[in-house]
Protein backbone atom coordinates (compact mmCIF):
# COMPACT_ATOMS: atom_id res chain seq x y z
CA MET A 1 170.55 39.34 167.66
CA HIS A 2 168.77 39.73 170.97
CA ARG A 3 167.98 37.11 173.61
CA SER A 4 165.76 34.52 172.00
CA ARG A 5 165.06 30.82 171.59
CA LEU A 6 168.07 29.65 169.62
CA HIS A 7 169.01 26.20 168.34
CA VAL A 8 172.72 25.55 167.65
CA LEU A 9 173.52 22.39 165.72
CA GLY A 10 176.22 20.73 163.68
CA ALA A 11 178.29 17.57 163.60
CA SER A 12 179.57 16.04 166.79
CA GLY A 13 182.79 17.86 167.64
CA SER A 14 181.95 21.03 165.69
CA GLY A 15 181.56 23.12 168.85
CA THR A 16 177.79 23.32 169.26
CA THR A 17 177.81 22.77 173.02
CA THR A 18 180.67 25.21 173.56
CA LEU A 19 178.96 27.91 171.49
CA GLY A 20 175.58 27.18 173.06
CA ARG A 21 176.95 27.60 176.59
CA ALA A 22 178.84 30.76 175.66
CA LEU A 23 175.76 32.35 174.07
CA ALA A 24 173.59 31.40 177.03
CA ASP A 25 176.15 32.98 179.35
CA ARG A 26 176.28 36.16 177.23
CA TRP A 27 172.49 36.45 177.25
CA SER A 28 172.02 35.17 180.83
CA VAL A 29 169.55 32.53 179.67
CA PRO A 30 169.36 28.75 180.22
CA HIS A 31 171.43 26.42 178.07
CA ALA A 32 170.37 22.85 177.32
CA ASP A 33 172.09 20.17 175.30
CA ALA A 34 170.03 17.67 173.32
CA ASP A 35 172.22 14.77 174.50
CA ASP A 36 171.15 15.39 178.08
CA TYR A 37 167.59 14.59 177.04
CA PHE A 38 168.33 12.00 174.36
CA TRP A 39 170.27 9.60 176.61
CA LEU A 40 169.20 8.06 179.89
CA PRO A 41 171.75 8.61 182.66
CA SER A 42 174.16 5.67 182.84
CA ASP A 43 177.70 4.73 183.76
CA PRO A 44 179.28 4.45 181.28
CA PRO A 45 177.23 7.12 179.52
CA PHE A 46 175.46 7.07 176.17
CA ARG A 47 174.14 3.52 176.34
CA GLU A 48 170.35 3.75 176.40
CA LYS A 49 168.12 6.19 174.53
CA ARG A 50 165.24 7.89 176.26
CA PRO A 51 161.93 7.56 174.34
CA ALA A 52 161.41 10.53 172.00
CA GLN A 53 158.20 11.76 173.59
CA ARG A 54 159.79 11.63 177.05
CA ARG A 55 162.69 13.76 175.77
CA LEU A 56 160.27 16.41 174.58
CA ASP A 57 158.23 16.20 177.79
CA LEU A 58 161.38 16.75 179.89
CA MET A 59 162.39 19.73 177.77
CA GLU A 60 158.93 21.16 178.25
CA GLU A 61 159.22 20.70 182.02
CA VAL A 62 162.74 22.11 182.34
CA PHE A 63 163.19 25.01 179.91
CA ALA A 64 161.02 25.15 176.78
CA PRO A 65 158.28 27.49 178.11
CA ARG A 66 160.80 30.24 178.92
CA GLU A 67 160.96 33.28 176.68
CA ALA A 68 164.64 32.73 175.84
CA TRP A 69 167.12 29.83 175.88
CA VAL A 70 169.88 28.23 173.85
CA LEU A 71 169.63 24.58 172.85
CA SER A 72 172.68 22.86 171.39
CA GLY A 73 172.93 19.54 169.59
CA SER A 74 171.00 17.75 166.91
CA MET A 75 167.36 16.75 167.34
CA LEU A 76 167.02 15.41 163.82
CA GLY A 77 164.11 13.02 163.60
CA TRP A 78 162.57 13.74 166.99
CA GLY A 79 162.80 17.38 168.01
CA ASP A 80 160.77 19.18 165.37
CA PRO A 81 158.01 20.28 167.80
CA LEU A 82 160.61 22.12 169.88
CA VAL A 83 162.60 23.45 166.92
CA ALA A 84 159.37 24.95 165.58
CA ARG A 85 159.41 27.23 168.64
CA CYS A 86 162.91 28.54 167.86
CA ASP A 87 163.40 32.10 166.68
CA ALA A 88 166.58 31.19 164.79
CA VAL A 89 169.05 28.39 164.12
CA VAL A 90 172.85 28.41 163.99
CA PHE A 91 174.53 25.67 161.94
CA LEU A 92 178.20 25.04 162.70
CA THR A 93 180.48 23.27 160.26
CA LEU A 94 184.07 22.18 160.75
CA ASP A 95 186.75 20.41 158.76
CA PRO A 96 186.35 16.64 159.43
CA THR A 97 189.98 16.15 160.47
CA GLU A 98 189.71 18.88 163.09
CA ARG A 99 186.34 17.55 164.29
CA LEU A 100 187.75 14.07 164.85
CA ARG A 101 190.79 15.51 166.64
CA ARG A 102 188.48 17.47 168.95
CA LEU A 103 186.40 14.37 169.62
CA GLY A 104 189.56 12.45 170.58
CA ASP A 105 190.60 15.25 172.94
CA ARG A 106 187.11 15.35 174.44
CA GLU A 107 187.13 11.60 175.02
CA GLU A 108 190.48 11.81 176.83
CA VAL A 109 189.11 14.50 179.15
CA ARG A 110 185.83 12.65 179.67
CA ARG A 111 187.60 9.42 180.58
CA ALA A 112 190.43 10.89 182.65
CA GLY A 113 191.50 8.25 185.13
CA GLN A 114 189.02 5.70 183.84
CA PRO A 115 189.55 2.88 181.38
CA VAL A 116 188.39 3.63 177.87
CA ASP A 117 185.78 1.31 176.41
CA GLY A 118 187.68 0.73 173.17
CA GLU A 119 184.77 -0.86 171.36
CA ALA A 120 182.31 1.91 172.24
CA TRP A 121 184.83 4.64 171.38
CA SER A 122 185.69 2.95 168.07
CA THR A 123 182.01 2.64 167.16
CA PHE A 124 181.35 6.27 168.03
CA ARG A 125 184.42 7.48 166.12
CA GLU A 126 183.32 5.61 162.99
CA TRP A 127 179.81 7.03 163.33
CA ALA A 128 181.24 10.57 163.72
CA ARG A 129 183.55 10.04 160.73
CA GLY A 130 180.53 9.20 158.56
CA TYR A 131 178.92 12.62 159.05
CA ASP A 132 180.55 14.17 155.97
CA ASP A 133 179.86 11.16 153.71
CA PRO A 134 176.67 11.85 151.70
CA GLU A 135 176.01 8.08 151.50
CA PHE A 136 176.19 7.62 155.29
CA THR A 137 172.93 6.33 156.75
CA GLY A 138 173.47 7.80 160.21
CA ARG A 139 173.15 11.48 161.11
CA SER A 140 174.97 13.29 158.33
CA ARG A 141 175.64 16.71 156.90
CA ALA A 142 173.43 15.86 153.91
CA GLN A 143 170.54 15.10 156.30
CA HIS A 144 171.17 18.30 158.26
CA GLU A 145 171.30 20.37 155.06
CA ALA A 146 168.01 18.88 153.81
CA TRP A 147 166.39 19.43 157.21
CA LEU A 148 167.58 23.04 157.40
CA GLN A 149 165.80 23.72 154.10
CA THR A 150 162.48 22.77 155.74
CA LEU A 151 162.73 25.28 158.59
CA ASP A 152 160.75 28.49 158.80
CA ALA A 153 163.32 30.02 161.15
CA PRO A 154 166.32 31.89 159.73
CA VAL A 155 169.61 29.96 159.69
CA LEU A 156 173.07 31.40 160.32
CA ARG A 157 175.96 29.25 159.07
CA LEU A 158 179.29 29.58 160.86
CA ASP A 159 182.69 27.90 160.72
CA GLY A 160 183.30 26.15 164.04
CA ALA A 161 187.06 26.66 163.61
CA ARG A 162 186.66 30.30 164.64
CA PRO A 163 187.35 31.13 168.29
CA THR A 164 184.29 30.82 170.52
CA GLU A 165 184.20 34.53 171.35
CA GLU A 166 184.18 35.41 167.62
CA LEU A 167 181.31 32.98 167.05
CA VAL A 168 179.35 34.49 169.93
CA ASP A 169 179.96 37.97 168.54
CA ALA A 170 178.82 36.84 165.07
CA VAL A 171 175.55 35.49 166.47
CA VAL A 172 174.92 38.57 168.62
CA ALA A 173 175.62 40.87 165.64
CA TRP A 174 173.35 38.83 163.33
CA GLU A 175 170.09 40.41 162.31
CA PRO A 176 167.91 37.51 161.10
CA SER A 177 165.27 38.41 158.58
């Protein structure tokens, strides 16, 4: 696959941001993460959502008009106008136990030297745990799978347990139809 507009998504902790950054580096194109547009800056982070239209407007201002970029993270329910401009989509999956372990590790790094907001972390962890439950009403694999079926762009499915370099190589070697 050549430099293009690529959307990388999957459950929180599946490696979408890591793969997105690595692909952007390989192709020398901008990388953006949906969370950077979804949430208003705050300390502690992830407290207040930015209005959906403002998210899209910011993306349009910062990177969307470029000929190539990599966008990681889910935009389910608000990002369809931008996803429609994608040349292809990569969907990462990962065993739920490993995903939750990665999320715990990420939280430790993110909060290094700072007190952990136990309530916020517990709420997030429960939300993330629900992803693989088909009855879960939050963002879930079932919702992602249904949404992927609606896309015109080709979708490459990869196992996020593979090393990042192998994932990058798999995307670069992919020839979407």
